[in-house]
Amino acid sequence: MAKVTNAFDTYSATADREDLSNIIYNISPMQTPFMSSIGKRNIKNVVFDWQTEVLPTPSASGQLEGFELSRSTATATSRVSNVAMISSRDATVTGSQDASDPAGKRSEMAHQLAIMAKALKRDMEEALCKNGDKTTGDASTARVTGGFESWITTNESRGTGGSSTGGGAAPTDGTQRDLTEDLLKDVLQQMFASGAEPNMAICGPHNKQVISGFTGRTQARQFVDANTVEASVSIYSSDFGELKIVPSNRSRERTLLLVDPEFAKVSYLRDFQTVDIATIGDAETKMIVCEYGLEVSNEAAHGVVADLNVS
């Protein structure tokens, strides 16, 4: 179809106003399931401690009639410690940009700080749930808190060559293998024997799909209605209780974390703070900083299925 003769079109126009949406779209993963589910407490030192204890070994033996008491040895607590680390993010905005009218934002600095706050929470999630090696640091070495994986020794399944000494020391990775239902059930049985009651399993996206394919279901795919096929597992019902299966982009794909949130805390020496940085020239800088560490209140309350294939 021919164009109307001498019709003025957008290709020739020079004064059309731009159309810029007031919505800013961001799909970067922002979930922090581990940090969001565990507890929180305040601490007063960069090195912080807590105590654990165990009951005496059970005994089914009885006592003689008129028995003479044999005094039992007192059960001492064990003192455990971790280190608080510092994480920060910052934003700098020029005076000109601050005076401008950006689309979708009331303030450029406020928008940048909101982004940095989310980025800082993701940084913290990675530090808390991964295998970070506890590092006390010095004047030239940053402190690092021992991550979740670096504490678990009691309830674990590891590949060939994999090992963990616990206490905040990073585990040695072993030969990777496929996640199977038998591996998960084995660690859950260990946990039951230890008195643990996990209610959450955190895994990467690949192994979330592996769990959804476990043959423990009557069938791998179930029709919910004529237009919906349910092929995922969000709750795993084991012989020892139910586990909420939570996918995460921040934990290591090679490790399935079995967590009882009651026995883990984020310990804050300094909670989230916004700090004004001295102005240099025609630009403003603000920093968000947090000083925190992980308390694994009792490592036997948790478990790991480690050294898993990631694809």
Foldseek 3Di string as FASTA:
>chain_A
DDDDPPDDDPVPDDPDDDDDALDDDDDDDQDQVQQVLFAAAADADQKDKDKDWDDPDDDPDDADVVHDDDDDDDTDIDMAIKGKFKDKDKDKFFLVQQPDDDRNDPGPRVVVVVVRVSVRSLVVSLLAAEQAAQDNDDPVGTGGTQHLQQAAAQQEAAAPPWHHPHRSGGTDHHAAAADAPVLVLRSVVSLVVLVADFAEKEAAPVVQLVVLQHVVDPDQWDDPDPVDIDRGDQWDQDPRGIHGYHHDPNYDNQKIKGDDSHQKYKYWNAAWDKAWDDDDPRMTMIMIMTIIHMGRNDSSNIYMYGRYDND
